[in-house]
Amino acid sequence: MASLAWLLIPLVAAIGAAIWGRWAARDRTAGDISELAGYARFREAMDRAERDRAGAGAAGAAAPVSDSASA
């Protein structure tokens, strides 16, 4: 029985490696467009926040930072 266990351990590891290999090699190109659009929105928001801070710094007053969900 112990020899059977020693044979099953590599078999289970090989099956696990095959499952992981299939999962790692799957086609993930479908979500690229939405992810790139989200990244563009993030960059626009960061640029806007930086401009707002620069404008407030030039005026001499610190503007409060607010989270606005309307975009």
PDB file of N, CA and C in Angstrom:
ATOM      1  N   MET A   1       0.822  -1.197   0.000  1.00  0.00           N
ATOM      2  CA  MET A   1       0.000   0.000   0.000  1.00  0.00           C
ATOM      3  C   MET A   1       0.869   1.265   0.000  1.00  0.00           C
ATOM      4  N   ALA A   2       1.984   1.212   0.702  1.00  0.00           N
ATOM      5  CA  ALA A   2       2.865   2.372   0.750  1.00  0.00           C
ATOM      6  C   ALA A   2       3.467   2.655  -0.622  1.00  0.00           C
ATOM      7  N   SER A   3       3.767   1.603  -1.370  1.00  0.00           N
ATOM      8  CA  SER A   3       4.319   1.826  -2.708  1.00  0.00           C
ATOM      9  C   SER A   3       3.272   2.450  -3.628  1.00  0.00           C
ATOM     10  N   LEU A   4       2.017   2.105  -3.423  1.00  0.00           N
ATOM     11  CA  LEU A   4       0.939   2.705  -4.211  1.00  0.00           C
ATOM     12  C   LEU A   4       0.827   4.203  -3.919  1.00  0.00           C
ATOM     13  N   ALA A   5       0.995   4.567  -2.659  1.00  0.00           N
ATOM     14  CA  ALA A   5       0.967   5.990  -2.292  1.00  0.00           C
ATOM     15  C   ALA A   5       2.115   6.738  -2.954  1.00  0.00           C
ATOM     16  N   TRP A   6       3.310   6.117  -2.984  1.00  0.00           N
ATOM     17  CA  TRP A   6       4.453   6.761  -3.619  1.00  0.00           C
ATOM     18  C   TRP A   6       4.264   6.899  -5.123  1.00  0.00           C
ATOM     19  N   LEU A   7       3.480   6.056  -5.719  1.00  0.00           N
ATOM     20  CA  LEU A   7       3.196   6.186  -7.148  1.00  0.00           C
ATOM     21  C   LEU A   7       2.088   7.205  -7.411  1.00  0.00           C
ATOM     22  N   LEU A   8       1.163   7.327  -6.476  1.00  0.00           N
ATOM     23  CA  LEU A   8       0.059   8.270  -6.668  1.00  0.00           C
ATOM     24  C   LEU A   8       0.484   9.728  -6.475  1.00  0.00           C
ATOM     25  N   ILE A   9       1.462   9.977  -5.632  1.00  0.00           N
ATOM     26  CA  ILE A   9       1.905  11.353  -5.384  1.00  0.00           C
ATOM     27  C   ILE A   9       2.396  12.023  -6.676  1.00  0.00           C
ATOM     28  N   PRO A  10       3.306  11.414  -7.447  1.00  0.00           N
ATOM     29  CA  PRO A  10       3.722  12.054  -8.702  1.00  0.00           C
ATOM     30  C   PRO A  10       2.590  12.121  -9.724  1.00  0.00           C
ATOM     31  N   LEU A  11       1.702  11.133  -9.707  1.00  0.00           N
ATOM     32  CA  LEU A  11       0.575  11.152 -10.639  1.00  0.00           C
ATOM     33  C   LEU A  11      -0.341  12.343 -10.350  1.00  0.00           C
ATOM     34  N   VAL A  12      -0.661  12.563  -9.099  1.00  0.00           N
ATOM     35  CA  VAL A  12      -1.501  13.707  -8.723  1.00  0.00           C
ATOM     36  C   VAL A  12      -0.779  15.015  -9.039  1.00  0.00           C
ATOM     37  N   ALA A  13       0.520  15.074  -8.809  1.00  0.00           N
ATOM     38  CA  ALA A  13       1.293  16.273  -9.129  1.00  0.00           C
ATOM     39  C   ALA A  13       1.298  16.536 -10.629  1.00  0.00           C
ATOM     40  N   ALA A  14       1.415  15.496 -11.434  1.00  0.00           N
ATOM     41  CA  ALA A  14       1.408  15.662 -12.887  1.00  0.00           C
ATOM     42  C   ALA A  14       0.046  16.135 -13.372  1.00  0.00           C
ATOM     43  N   ILE A  15      -1.012  15.594 -12.808  1.00  0.00           N
ATOM     44  CA  ILE A  15      -2.360  16.037 -13.186  1.00  0.00           C
ATOM     45  C   ILE A  15      -2.565  17.492 -12.787  1.00  0.00           C
ATOM     46  N   GLY A  16      -2.115  17.844 -11.588  1.00  0.00           N
ATOM     47  CA  GLY A  16      -2.215  19.242 -11.144  1.00  0.00           C
ATOM     48  C   GLY A  16      -1.413  20.175 -12.034  1.00  0.00           C
ATOM     49  N   ALA A  17      -0.224  19.747 -12.444  1.00  0.00           N
ATOM     50  CA  ALA A  17       0.598  20.573 -13.330  1.00  0.00           C
ATOM     51  C   ALA A  17      -0.057  20.738 -14.696  1.00  0.00           C
ATOM     52  N   ALA A  18      -0.697  19.690 -15.186  1.00  0.00           N
ATOM     53  CA  ALA A  18      -1.383  19.777 -16.478  1.00  0.00           C
ATOM     54  C   ALA A  18      -2.569  20.743 -16.398  1.00  0.00           C
ATOM     55  N   ILE A  19      -3.313  20.691 -15.310  1.00  0.00           N
ATOM     56  CA  ILE A  19      -4.446  21.616 -15.136  1.00  0.00           C
ATOM     57  C   ILE A  19      -3.953  23.043 -15.038  1.00  0.00           C
ATOM     58  N   TRP A  20      -2.902  23.271 -14.259  1.00  0.00           N
ATOM     59  CA  TRP A  20      -2.353  24.619 -14.133  1.00  0.00           C
ATOM     60  C   TRP A  20      -1.809  25.115 -15.475  1.00  0.00           C
ATOM     61  N   GLY A  21      -1.151  24.238 -16.229  1.00  0.00           N
ATOM     62  CA  GLY A  21      -0.606  24.625 -17.532  1.00  0.00           C
ATOM     63  C   GLY A  21      -1.685  25.047 -18.499  1.00  0.00           C
ATOM     64  N   ARG A  22      -2.793  24.327 -18.502  1.00  0.00           N
ATOM     65  CA  ARG A  22      -3.924  24.738 -19.355  1.00  0.00           C
ATOM     66  C   ARG A  22      -4.490  26.071 -18.928  1.00  0.00           C
ATOM     67  N   TRP A  23      -4.618  26.268 -17.625  1.00  0.00           N
ATOM     68  CA  TRP A  23      -5.164  27.515 -17.116  1.00  0.00           C
ATOM     69  C   TRP A  23      -4.226  28.685 -17.434  1.00  0.00           C
ATOM     70  N   ALA A  24      -2.923  28.490 -17.293  1.00  0.00           N
ATOM     71  CA  ALA A  24      -1.952  29.549 -17.541  1.00  0.00           C
ATOM     72  C   ALA A  24      -1.867  29.899 -19.027  1.00  0.00           C
ATOM     73  N   ALA A  25      -2.147  28.951 -19.910  1.00  0.00           N
ATOM     74  CA  ALA A  25      -2.025  29.173 -21.347  1.00  0.00           C
ATOM     75  C   ALA A  25      -3.349  29.577 -22.005  1.00  0.00           C
ATOM     76  N   ARG A  26      -4.359  29.863 -21.209  1.00  0.00           N
ATOM     77  CA  ARG A  26      -5.668  30.193 -21.793  1.00  0.00           C
ATOM     78  C   ARG A  26      -5.609  31.524 -22.533  1.00  0.00           C
ATOM     79  N   ASP A  27      -6.552  31.735 -23.414  1.00  0.00           N
ATOM     80  CA  ASP A  27      -6.621  32.957 -24.216  1.00  0.00           C
ATOM     81  C   ASP A  27      -7.267  34.053 -23.383  1.00  0.00           C
ATOM     82  N   ARG A  28      -6.524  35.109 -23.114  1.00  0.00           N
ATOM     83  CA  ARG A  28      -7.031  36.190 -22.273  1.00  0.00           C
ATOM     84  C   ARG A  28      -7.122  37.508 -23.032  1.00  0.00           C
ATOM     85  N   THR A  29      -7.270  37.488 -24.324  1.00  0.00           N
ATOM     86  CA  THR A  29      -7.273  38.726 -25.095  1.00  0.00           C
ATOM     87  C   THR A  29      -8.626  39.411 -25.112  1.00  0.00           C
ATOM     88  N   ALA A  30      -9.675  38.757 -24.665  1.00  0.00           N
ATOM     89  CA  ALA A  30     -11.020  39.327 -24.754  1.00  0.00           C
ATOM     90  C   ALA A  30     -11.177  40.573 -23.894  1.00  0.00           C
ATOM     91  N   GLY A  31     -10.526  40.663 -22.754  1.00  0.00           N
ATOM     92  CA  GLY A  31     -10.722  41.784 -21.849  1.00  0.00           C
ATOM     93  C   GLY A  31      -9.768  42.941 -22.040  1.00  0.00           C
ATOM     94  N   ASP A  32      -8.900  42.891 -23.029  1.00  0.00           N
ATOM     95  CA  ASP A  32      -7.890  43.935 -23.188  1.00  0.00           C
ATOM     96  C   ASP A  32      -8.498  45.304 -23.492  1.00  0.00           C
ATOM     97  N   ILE A  33      -9.526  45.342 -24.317  1.00  0.00           N
ATOM     98  CA  ILE A  33     -10.111  46.623 -24.706  1.00  0.00           C
ATOM     99  C   ILE A  33     -10.701  47.339 -23.497  1.00  0.00           C
ATOM    100  N   SER A  34     -11.468  46.632 -22.687  1.00  0.00           N
ATOM    101  CA  SER A  34     -12.072  47.277 -21.517  1.00  0.00           C
ATOM    102  C   SER A  34     -11.006  47.666 -20.496  1.00  0.00           C
ATOM    103  N   GLU A  35      -9.964  46.864 -20.353  1.00  0.00           N
ATOM    104  CA  GLU A  35      -8.900  47.210 -19.419  1.00  0.00           C
ATOM    105  C   GLU A  35      -8.140  48.449 -19.889  1.00  0.00           C
ATOM    106  N   LEU A  36      -7.904  48.559 -21.173  1.00  0.00           N
ATOM    107  CA  LEU A  36      -7.217  49.743 -21.696  1.00  0.00           C
ATOM    108  C   LEU A  36      -8.083  50.985 -21.544  1.00  0.00           C
ATOM    109  N   ALA A  37      -9.380  50.849 -21.741  1.00  0.00           N
ATOM    110  CA  ALA A  37     -10.287  51.984 -21.558  1.00  0.00           C
ATOM    111  C   ALA A  37     -10.303  52.415 -20.093  1.00  0.00           C
ATOM    112  N   GLY A  38     -10.308  51.463 -19.194  1.00  0.00           N
ATOM    113  CA  GLY A  38     -10.265  51.786 -17.770  1.00  0.00           C
ATOM    114  C   GLY A  38      -8.965  52.475 -17.390  1.00  0.00           C
ATOM    115  N   TYR A  39      -7.868  52.032 -17.968  1.00  0.00           N
ATOM    116  CA  TYR A  39      -6.582  52.656 -17.692  1.00  0.00           C
ATOM    117  C   TYR A  39      -6.553  54.087 -18.233  1.00  0.00           C
ATOM    118  N   ALA A  40      -7.149  54.310 -19.397  1.00  0.00           N
ATOM    119  CA  ALA A  40      -7.213  55.666 -19.955  1.00  0.00           C
ATOM    120  C   ALA A  40      -8.034  56.580 -19.041  1.00  0.00           C
ATOM    121  N   ARG A  41      -9.156  56.081 -18.511  1.00  0.00           N
ATOM    122  CA  ARG A  41      -9.961  56.883 -17.582  1.00  0.00           C
ATOM    123  C   ARG A  41      -9.173  57.190 -16.313  1.00  0.00           C
ATOM    124  N   PHE A  42      -8.408  56.207 -15.833  1.00  0.00           N
ATOM    125  CA  PHE A  42      -7.587  56.421 -14.646  1.00  0.00           C
ATOM    126  C   PHE A  42      -6.555  57.517 -14.895  1.00  0.00           C
ATOM    127  N   ARG A  43      -5.871  57.462 -16.034  1.00  0.00           N
ATOM    128  CA  ARG A  43      -4.857  58.474 -16.335  1.00  0.00           C
ATOM    129  C   ARG A  43      -5.469  59.860 -16.464  1.00  0.00           C
ATOM    130  N   GLU A  44      -6.656  59.949 -17.106  1.00  0.00           N
ATOM    131  CA  GLU A  44      -7.325  61.245 -17.216  1.00  0.00           C
ATOM    132  C   GLU A  44      -7.670  61.803 -15.843  1.00  0.00           C
ATOM    133  N   ALA A  45      -8.134  60.944 -14.952  1.00  0.00           N
ATOM    134  CA  ALA A  45      -8.482  61.389 -13.604  1.00  0.00           C
ATOM    135  C   ALA A  45      -7.236  61.866 -12.853  1.00  0.00           C
ATOM    136  N   MET A  46      -6.128  61.139 -13.007  1.00  0.00           N
ATOM    137  CA  MET A  46      -4.895  61.537 -12.334  1.00  0.00           C
ATOM    138  C   MET A  46      -4.366  62.859 -12.901  1.00  0.00           C
ATOM    139  N   ASP A  47      -4.452  63.040 -14.217  1.00  0.00           N
ATOM    140  CA  ASP A  47      -4.009  64.302 -14.829  1.00  0.00           C
ATOM    141  C   ASP A  47      -4.880  65.461 -14.354  1.00  0.00           C
ATOM    142  N   ARG A  48      -6.179  65.210 -14.278  1.00  0.00           N
ATOM    143  CA  ARG A  48      -7.108  66.237 -13.823  1.00  0.00           C
ATOM    144  C   ARG A  48      -6.807  66.616 -12.373  1.00  0.00           C
ATOM    145  N   ALA A  49      -6.554  65.630 -11.529  1.00  0.00           N
ATOM    146  CA  ALA A  49      -6.240  65.906 -10.122  1.00  0.00           C
ATOM    147  C   ALA A  49      -4.929  66.669 -10.004  1.00  0.00           C
ATOM    148  N   GLU A  50      -3.964  66.335 -10.839  1.00  0.00           N
ATOM    149  CA  GLU A  50      -2.678  67.030 -10.792  1.00  0.00           C
ATOM    150  C   GLU A  50      -2.830  68.483 -11.231  1.00  0.00           C
ATOM    151  N   ARG A  51      -3.627  68.714 -12.270  1.00  0.00           N
ATOM    152  CA  ARG A  51      -3.876  70.095 -12.708  1.00  0.00           C
ATOM    153  C   ARG A  51      -4.606  70.883 -11.635  1.00  0.00           C
ATOM    154  N   ASP A  52      -5.572  70.247 -10.968  1.00  0.00           N
ATOM    155  CA  ASP A  52      -6.302  70.929  -9.907  1.00  0.00           C
ATOM    156  C   ASP A  52      -5.380  71.305  -8.755  1.00  0.00           C
ATOM    157  N   ARG A  53      -4.478  70.398  -8.387  1.00  0.00           N
ATOM    158  CA  ARG A  53      -3.527  70.691  -7.316  1.00  0.00           C
ATOM    159  C   ARG A  53      -2.568  71.792  -7.734  1.00  0.00           C
ATOM    160  N   ALA A  54      -2.129  71.775  -8.983  1.00  0.00           N
ATOM    161  CA  ALA A  54      -1.194  72.798  -9.466  1.00  0.00           C
ATOM    162  C   ALA A  54      -1.887  74.158  -9.486  1.00  0.00           C
ATOM    163  N   GLY A  55      -3.143  74.193  -9.878  1.00  0.00           N
ATOM    164  CA  GLY A  55      -3.894  75.445  -9.889  1.00  0.00           C
ATOM    165  C   GLY A  55      -4.129  75.971  -8.498  1.00  0.00           C
ATOM    166  N   ALA A  56      -4.408  75.101  -7.552  1.00  0.00           N
ATOM    167  CA  ALA A  56      -4.628  75.517  -6.172  1.00  0.00           C
ATOM    168  C   ALA A  56      -3.322  75.985  -5.549  1.00  0.00           C
ATOM    169  N   GLY A  57      -2.220  75.361  -5.919  1.00  0.00           N
ATOM    170  CA  GLY A  57      -0.919  75.768  -5.386  1.00  0.00           C
ATOM    171  C   GLY A  57      -0.516  77.135  -5.900  1.00  0.00           C
ATOM    172  N   ALA A  58      -0.885  77.444  -7.135  1.00  0.00           N
ATOM    173  CA  ALA A  58      -0.554  78.746  -7.704  1.00  0.00           C
ATOM    174  C   ALA A  58      -1.373  79.842  -7.047  1.00  0.00           C
ATOM    175  N   ALA A  59      -2.591  79.522  -6.604  1.00  0.00           N
ATOM    176  CA  ALA A  59      -3.446  80.504  -5.952  1.00  0.00           C
ATOM    177  C   ALA A  59      -3.057  80.696  -4.495  1.00  0.00           C
ATOM    178  N   GLY A  60      -2.268  79.793  -3.942  1.00  0.00           N
ATOM    179  CA  GLY A  60      -1.815  79.943  -2.575  1.00  0.00           C
ATOM    180  C   GLY A  60      -2.696  79.240  -1.563  1.00  0.00           C
ATOM    181  N   ALA A  61      -3.751  78.587  -2.001  1.00  0.00           N
ATOM    182  CA  ALA A  61      -4.650  77.887  -1.076  1.00  0.00           C
ATOM    183  C   ALA A  61      -4.724  76.418  -1.480  1.00  0.00           C
ATOM    184  N   ALA A  62      -4.802  75.588  -0.497  1.00  0.00           N
ATOM    185  CA  ALA A  62      -4.910  74.147  -0.766  1.00  0.00           C
ATOM    186  C   ALA A  62      -6.373  73.797  -0.934  1.00  0.00           C
ATOM    187  N   ALA A  63      -6.691  73.202  -2.068  1.00  0.00           N
ATOM    188  CA  ALA A  63      -8.070  72.797  -2.336  1.00  0.00           C
ATOM    189  C   ALA A  63      -8.310  71.412  -1.748  1.00  0.00           C
ATOM    190  N   PRO A  64      -9.479  71.203  -1.155  1.00  0.00           N
ATOM    191  CA  PRO A  64      -9.772  69.848  -0.642  1.00  0.00           C
ATOM    192  C   PRO A  64      -9.960  68.871  -1.781  1.00  0.00           C
ATOM    193  N   VAL A  65      -9.521  67.650  -1.560  1.00  0.00           N
ATOM    194  CA  VAL A  65      -9.648  66.609  -2.561  1.00  0.00           C
ATOM    195  C   VAL A  65     -10.975  65.889  -2.320  1.00  0.00           C
ATOM    196  N   SER A  66     -11.784  65.807  -3.360  1.00  0.00           N
ATOM    197  CA  SER A  66     -13.079  65.133  -3.201  1.00  0.00           C
ATOM    198  C   SER A  66     -13.168  63.991  -4.190  1.00  0.00           C
ATOM    199  N   ASP A  67     -13.821  62.918  -3.767  1.00  0.00           N
ATOM    200  CA  ASP A  67     -14.064  61.779  -4.633  1.00  0.00           C
ATOM    201  C   ASP A  67     -15.390  61.991  -5.338  1.00  0.00           C
ATOM    202  N   SER A  68     -15.333  62.118  -6.639  1.00  0.00           N
ATOM    203  CA  SER A  68     -16.547  62.341  -7.407  1.00  0.00           C
ATOM    204  C   SER A  68     -16.834  61.096  -8.234  1.00  0.00           C
ATOM    205  N   ALA A  69     -18.002  60.498  -8.014  1.00  0.00           N
ATOM    206  CA  ALA A  69     -18.366  59.278  -8.733  1.00  0.00           C
ATOM    207  C   ALA A  69     -19.061  59.599 -10.047  1.00  0.00           C
ATOM    208  N   SER A  70     -19.350  60.855 -10.296  1.00  0.00           N
ATOM    209  CA  SER A  70     -20.033  61.192 -11.552  1.00  0.00           C
ATOM    210  C   SER A  70     -19.011  61.503 -12.627  1.00  0.00           C
ATOM    211  N   ALA A  71     -18.922  60.611 -13.590  1.00  0.00           N
ATOM    212  CA  ALA A  71     -17.978  60.829 -14.705  1.00  0.00           C
ATOM    213  C   ALA A  71     -18.550  60.287 -15.974  1.00  0.00           C
TER     214      ALA A  71
END
